Amino acid sequence: MTKLFKIGSIAVLVLLVALAAIADRPAAKEWVGGMDLSLYLRLVAILGLIIAVFRAWGYKREVEASQKYQRAQEVLTQAGIAAERKQRTLDELEQKLAAQYARREQDLSVALDQAKADYQSRLIALKEQNMQLKEEAAKLMQELKRKKQA
C-alpha cells in the first residue's frame, strides 16, 4: 500500500510539472475542454499539496518510530551491559563468599580439633588424678582398718 501511494504521489507531481509547463500555451485552453486552465492547475496544485502534507506526516511518523526504536536499542544495550556488570560482580562476590566460608570452616575445624585435644589431655589428667585419689583412698582405708584393728 505504501509503495502504491508513493508511485501515485510521484505521478501526480510529474503531472503537475507537465501541466505547469504547458499552462501558458494557447492550445492548452482548447485541450482542457472549456475549463479555465488556471483553475484546473490550482486544483491540481492543491491536490499535490495535500498529498505532500500526508507524505510529510508519514515521513515524520517513520522518523519518530525510527528514533524510538534506536532509543529502545540504546536502552536495551545499556541494560545488557549493566546486567553483565552486575552478574560479574555477583559471581565475584559468590567466589569471595565461598572462599571465606571455606577458610572459616577450616579455621573452625582447627579450633575444634584444638579444643578436643585440650579436653582430651585434661580428661586424661583427671583420670590419672582420679586413679591416684582412689589409690590414696584405698591406702587410707587400709590404714584406717589397721588402726581400728589395732
Protein backbone atom coordinates (compact mmCIF):
# COMPACT_ATOMS: atom_id res chain seq x y z
CA MET A 1 0.00 0.00 0.00
CA THR A 2 2.83 2.39 0.82
CA LYS A 3 4.58 1.72 -2.49
CA LEU A 4 1.34 2.34 -4.39
CA PHE A 5 0.90 5.62 -2.53
CA LYS A 6 4.48 6.65 -3.38
CA ILE A 7 4.02 5.80 -7.04
CA GLY A 8 0.73 7.72 -7.14
CA SER A 9 2.21 10.78 -5.47
CA ILE A 10 5.18 10.78 -7.87
CA ALA A 11 2.80 10.51 -10.85
CA VAL A 12 0.73 13.45 -9.56
CA LEU A 13 3.85 15.55 -9.09
CA VAL A 14 5.05 14.73 -12.63
CA LEU A 15 1.61 15.66 -13.90
CA LEU A 16 1.83 18.97 -12.03
CA VAL A 17 5.17 19.75 -13.61
CA ALA A 18 3.92 18.84 -17.09
CA LEU A 19 0.75 20.90 -16.72
CA ALA A 20 2.68 23.87 -15.39
CA ALA A 21 4.92 23.70 -18.44
CA ILE A 22 2.01 23.77 -20.86
CA ALA A 23 -0.20 26.19 -18.92
CA ASP A 24 0.78 29.24 -20.93
CA ARG A 25 0.27 27.63 -24.36
CA PRO A 26 -2.83 28.73 -26.31
CA ALA A 27 -3.55 25.15 -27.34
CA ALA A 28 -3.86 24.14 -23.68
CA LYS A 29 -7.11 26.07 -23.26
CA GLU A 30 -8.71 24.07 -26.04
CA TRP A 31 -7.35 20.77 -24.69
CA VAL A 32 -8.93 21.14 -21.25
CA GLY A 33 -12.34 21.46 -22.77
CA GLY A 34 -13.53 24.87 -21.81
CA MET A 35 -12.40 24.78 -18.18
CA ASP A 36 -10.18 27.60 -17.15
CA LEU A 37 -6.65 26.20 -17.10
CA SER A 38 -5.56 28.30 -14.14
CA LEU A 39 -8.43 26.87 -12.07
CA TYR A 40 -7.51 23.37 -13.17
CA LEU A 41 -3.87 23.94 -12.26
CA ARG A 42 -4.86 25.35 -8.88
CA LEU A 43 -6.96 22.28 -8.15
CA VAL A 44 -4.11 20.01 -9.16
CA ALA A 45 -1.68 22.08 -7.06
CA ILE A 46 -3.97 21.83 -4.04
CA LEU A 47 -4.23 18.08 -4.57
CA GLY A 48 -0.43 17.90 -4.81
CA LEU A 49 -0.04 19.91 -1.61
CA ILE A 50 -2.48 17.64 0.21
CA ILE A 51 -0.51 14.61 -0.97
CA ALA A 52 2.75 16.29 0.07
CA VAL A 53 1.34 17.07 3.55
CA PHE A 54 0.25 13.48 4.10
CA ARG A 55 3.57 12.23 2.73
CA ALA A 56 5.50 14.56 5.08
CA TRP A 57 3.33 13.47 8.01
CA GLY A 58 4.01 9.80 7.18
CA TYR A 59 7.74 10.51 6.89
CA LYS A 60 7.67 12.30 10.26
CA ARG A 61 5.99 9.28 11.86
CA GLU A 62 8.59 6.98 10.31
CA VAL A 63 11.40 9.16 11.68
CA GLU A 64 9.80 9.24 15.13
CA ALA A 65 9.36 5.47 15.10
CA SER A 66 12.95 5.04 13.98
CA GLN A 67 14.18 7.34 16.74
CA LYS A 68 12.10 5.47 19.31
CA TYR A 69 13.50 2.18 18.03
CA GLN A 70 17.06 3.49 18.22
CA ARG A 71 16.47 4.80 21.73
CA ALA A 72 14.97 1.47 22.75
CA GLN A 73 18.01 -0.30 21.31
CA GLU A 74 20.33 2.02 23.26
CA VAL A 75 18.39 1.41 26.47
CA LEU A 76 18.43 -2.33 25.81
CA THR A 77 22.17 -2.25 25.17
CA GLN A 78 22.79 -0.25 28.35
CA ALA A 79 20.59 -2.62 30.33
CA GLY A 80 22.51 -5.58 28.91
CA ILE A 81 25.83 -4.00 29.87
CA ALA A 82 24.54 -3.21 33.36
CA ALA A 83 23.22 -6.76 33.73
CA GLU A 84 26.57 -8.22 32.64
CA ARG A 85 28.39 -5.95 35.09
CA LYS A 86 26.06 -6.94 37.92
CA GLN A 87 26.40 -10.62 37.00
CA ARG A 88 30.19 -10.30 37.06
CA THR A 89 30.01 -8.56 40.44
CA LEU A 90 27.66 -11.25 41.71
CA ASP A 91 29.98 -14.02 40.50
CA GLU A 92 32.97 -12.34 42.15
CA LEU A 93 31.04 -11.91 45.39
CA GLU A 94 29.93 -15.55 45.27
CA GLN A 95 33.52 -16.71 44.80
CA LYS A 96 34.68 -14.44 47.60
CA LEU A 97 31.97 -15.73 49.95
CA ALA A 98 32.75 -19.34 49.04
CA ALA A 99 36.45 -18.73 49.80
CA GLN A 100 35.56 -17.03 53.10
CA TYR A 101 33.26 -19.91 54.02
CA ALA A 102 35.95 -22.49 53.26
CA ARG A 103 38.55 -20.50 55.22
CA ARG A 104 36.24 -20.06 58.23
CA GLU A 105 35.20 -23.70 58.11
CA GLN A 106 38.86 -24.71 58.12
CA ASP A 107 39.60 -22.28 60.98
CA LEU A 108 36.67 -23.65 62.97
CA SER A 109 37.79 -27.21 62.26
CA VAL A 110 41.29 -26.40 63.52
CA ALA A 111 39.86 -24.65 66.60
CA LEU A 112 37.53 -27.61 67.26
CA ASP A 113 40.40 -30.09 66.91
CA GLN A 114 42.49 -27.97 69.29
CA ALA A 115 39.65 -27.80 71.80
CA LYS A 116 39.13 -31.56 71.54
CA ALA A 117 42.83 -32.15 72.10
CA ASP A 118 42.83 -29.82 75.12
CA TYR A 119 39.80 -31.52 76.66
CA GLN A 120 41.27 -34.95 75.88
CA SER A 121 44.50 -34.06 77.68
CA ARG A 122 42.51 -32.62 80.59
CA LEU A 123 40.37 -35.77 80.69
CA ILE A 124 43.47 -37.97 80.75
CA ALA A 125 44.96 -35.81 83.53
CA LEU A 126 41.70 -36.04 85.51
CA LYS A 127 41.59 -39.81 85.06
CA GLU A 128 45.16 -40.05 86.36
CA GLN A 129 44.26 -37.86 89.33
CA ASN A 130 41.17 -39.99 89.89
CA MET A 131 43.30 -43.15 89.91
CA GLN A 132 45.77 -41.55 92.31
CA LEU A 133 42.93 -40.43 94.57
CA LYS A 134 41.44 -43.92 94.50
CA GLU A 135 44.82 -45.43 95.37
CA GLU A 136 45.27 -42.96 98.23
CA ALA A 137 41.69 -43.57 99.38
CA ALA A 138 42.38 -47.30 99.35
CA LYS A 139 45.62 -46.79 101.32
CA LEU A 140 43.83 -44.58 103.81
CA MET A 141 41.06 -47.15 104.19
CA GLN A 142 43.64 -49.89 104.80
CA GLU A 143 45.38 -47.76 107.38
CA LEU A 144 42.07 -46.94 108.99
CA LYS A 145 41.22 -50.64 109.16
CA ARG A 146 44.62 -51.37 110.66
CA LYS A 147 44.18 -48.67 113.22
CA LYS A 148 40.73 -49.96 114.07
CA GLN A 149 42.09 -53.45 114.44
CA ALA A 150 44.98 -52.31 116.49
